[in-house]
C-alpha atoms as a PDB file:
ATOM      1  CA  MET A   1     193.215 185.697  10.007  1.00  0.00           C
ATOM      2  CA  LYS A   2     196.866 186.969   9.101  1.00  0.00           C
ATOM      3  CA  LEU A   3     197.175 190.650   8.947  1.00  0.00           C
ATOM      4  CA  VAL A   4     199.744 192.510   6.956  1.00  0.00           C
ATOM      5  CA  PRO A   5     200.739 196.081   8.239  1.00  0.00           C
ATOM      6  CA  CYS A   6     200.311 198.157   5.056  1.00  0.00           C
ATOM      7  CA  PRO A   7     201.913 201.532   5.317  1.00  0.00           C
ATOM      8  CA  LEU A   8     199.179 203.247   3.366  1.00  0.00           C
ATOM      9  CA  ASN A   9     196.203 201.286   4.322  1.00  0.00           C
ATOM     10  CA  GLY A  10     197.185 200.003   7.826  1.00  0.00           C
ATOM     11  CA  PRO A  11     196.571 196.264   8.993  1.00  0.00           C
ATOM     12  CA  ARG A  12     194.872 194.375   6.102  1.00  0.00           C
ATOM     13  CA  PRO A  13     194.045 190.733   5.533  1.00  0.00           C
ATOM     14  CA  MET A  14     197.036 188.713   3.860  1.00  0.00           C
ATOM     15  CA  GLU A  15     194.564 187.686   0.981  1.00  0.00           C
ATOM     16  CA  GLU A  16     194.719 191.343  -0.158  1.00  0.00           C
ATOM     17  CA  PHE A  17     198.376 191.125  -1.036  1.00  0.00           C
ATOM     18  CA  VAL A  18     200.776 189.602  -3.586  1.00  0.00           C
ATOM     19  CA  TYR A  19     204.291 188.935  -2.705  1.00  0.00           C
ATOM     20  CA  GLY A  20     206.660 190.519  -5.206  1.00  0.00           C
ATOM     21  CA  GLY A  21     209.947 188.906  -4.458  1.00  0.00           C
ATOM     22  CA  GLU A  22     213.241 190.025  -2.496  1.00  0.00           C
ATOM     23  CA  VAL A  23     214.223 193.518  -2.865  1.00  0.00           C
ATOM     24  CA  ARG A  24     217.653 193.164  -4.695  1.00  0.00           C
ATOM     25  CA  PRO A  25     219.853 195.441  -6.864  1.00  0.00           C
ATOM     26  CA  ALA A  26     218.679 195.509 -10.489  1.00  0.00           C
ATOM     27  CA  GLY A  27     221.185 193.748 -12.731  1.00  0.00           C
ATOM     28  CA  ASP A  28     222.361 195.039 -16.071  1.00  0.00           C
ATOM     29  CA  ALA A  29     221.210 192.402 -18.662  1.00  0.00           C
ATOM     30  CA  SER A  30     223.241 194.421 -21.498  1.00  0.00           C
ATOM     31  CA  SER A  31     226.471 193.799 -19.595  1.00  0.00           C
ATOM     32  CA  THR A  32     226.447 189.962 -18.868  1.00  0.00           C
ATOM     33  CA  ASP A  33     225.864 186.791 -20.639  1.00  0.00           C
ATOM     34  CA  ASP A  34     222.718 184.807 -20.776  1.00  0.00           C
ATOM     35  CA  ALA A  35     223.734 182.277 -18.267  1.00  0.00           C
ATOM     36  CA  ALA A  36     224.878 184.913 -15.755  1.00  0.00           C
ATOM     37  CA  TRP A  37     221.615 186.823 -16.295  1.00  0.00           C
ATOM     38  CA  GLY A  38     219.444 183.735 -15.910  1.00  0.00           C
ATOM     39  CA  ARG A  39     221.172 183.089 -12.506  1.00  0.00           C
ATOM     40  CA  HIS A  40     220.511 186.575 -11.512  1.00  0.00           C
ATOM     41  CA  VAL A  41     217.059 186.476 -12.374  1.00  0.00           C
ATOM     42  CA  PHE A  42     215.903 183.106 -11.215  1.00  0.00           C
ATOM     43  CA  ASN A  43     218.258 181.876  -8.347  1.00  0.00           C
ATOM     44  CA  ARG A  44     217.907 182.437  -4.748  1.00  0.00           C
ATOM     45  CA  LEU A  45     219.305 181.443  -1.638  1.00  0.00           C
ATOM     46  CA  GLY A  46     216.296 180.421   0.143  1.00  0.00           C
ATOM     47  CA  ILE A  47     217.685 180.600   3.497  1.00  0.00           C
ATOM     48  CA  ALA A  48     215.503 181.742   6.333  1.00  0.00           C
ATOM     49  CA  ALA A  49     216.475 185.204   7.561  1.00  0.00           C
ATOM     50  CA  THR A  50     215.353 188.908   7.692  1.00  0.00           C
ATOM     51  CA  ARG A  51     214.653 189.943   4.248  1.00  0.00           C
ATOM     52  CA  ARG A  52     213.547 193.215   2.682  1.00  0.00           C
ATOM     53  CA  GLU A  53     210.501 192.118   0.149  1.00  0.00           C
ATOM     54  CA  TRP A  54     208.325 193.901  -2.339  1.00  0.00           C
ATOM     55  CA  TRP A  55     204.566 193.563  -1.631  1.00  0.00           C
ATOM     56  CA  TYR A  56     201.616 194.627  -3.472  1.00  0.00           C
ATOM     57  CA  HIS A  57     198.195 195.589  -2.240  1.00  0.00           C
ATOM     58  CA  ILE A  58     195.686 194.380  -4.837  1.00  0.00           C
ATOM     59  CA  PRO A  59     192.699 196.872  -4.005  1.00  0.00           C
ATOM     60  CA  SER A  60     194.705 200.023  -3.721  1.00  0.00           C
ATOM     61  CA  GLY A  61     197.404 199.134  -6.549  1.00  0.00           C
ATOM     62  CA  TYR A  62     200.100 200.033  -3.823  1.00  0.00           C
ATOM     63  CA  TRP A  63     203.684 198.594  -3.887  1.00  0.00           C
ATOM     64  CA  PHE A  64     205.650 198.889  -0.624  1.00  0.00           C
ATOM     65  CA  VAL A  65     208.838 197.455   0.959  1.00  0.00           C
ATOM     66  CA  ALA A  66     208.584 195.030   4.024  1.00  0.00           C
ATOM     67  CA  VAL A  67     211.113 193.678   6.353  1.00  0.00           C
ATOM     68  CA  ARG A  68     209.967 190.160   7.275  1.00  0.00           C
ATOM     69  CA  ASN A  69     211.450 187.322   9.234  1.00  0.00           C
ATOM     70  CA  THR A  70     211.136 184.422   6.573  1.00  0.00           C
ATOM     71  CA  ALA A  71     211.496 181.674   9.116  1.00  0.00           C
ATOM     72  CA  SER A  72     208.451 182.961  11.347  1.00  0.00           C
ATOM     73  CA  GLY A  73     206.600 185.057   8.680  1.00  0.00           C
ATOM     74  CA  GLU A  74     206.519 187.894  11.040  1.00  0.00           C
ATOM     75  CA  PHE A  75     206.603 191.447   9.464  1.00  0.00           C
ATOM     76  CA  LEU A  76     209.191 193.522  11.375  1.00  0.00           C
ATOM     77  CA  GLU A  77     208.607 196.953   9.393  1.00  0.00           C
ATOM     78  CA  THR A  78     206.760 198.106   6.184  1.00  0.00           C
ATOM     79  CA  PHE A  79     207.504 201.373   4.518  1.00  0.00           C
ATOM     80  CA  ASP A  80     206.889 203.086   1.274  1.00  0.00           C
ATOM     81  CA  ALA A  81     208.852 201.984  -1.794  1.00  0.00           C
ATOM     82  CA  GLY A  82     209.852 205.431  -2.439  1.00  0.00           C
ATOM     83  CA  ARG A  83     211.368 205.745   0.976  1.00  0.00           C
ATOM     84  CA  ARG A  84     215.258 205.157   1.114  1.00  0.00           C
ATOM     85  CA  GLU A  85     216.508 202.093   3.333  1.00  0.00           C
ATOM     86  CA  PRO A  86     215.120 202.189   6.820  1.00  0.00           C
END
């Protein structure tokens, strides 16, 4: 069983979590055309790397940020979403 190191609840089974996507700067839909906004929302590089990602713990309703190696799936660090960059 794969465990996710939740910063609030400690190590918990992966089945308790939902992946929320890569942490990216928020775009401004009002200052761009529809095609550019669509690229921002839907296009990703998909390259294996170390990325900051949003994760959600379903039982507690807790969002947090994980630094994860997408090639191996290894969680390198997790921290509260309210905390500044690690």
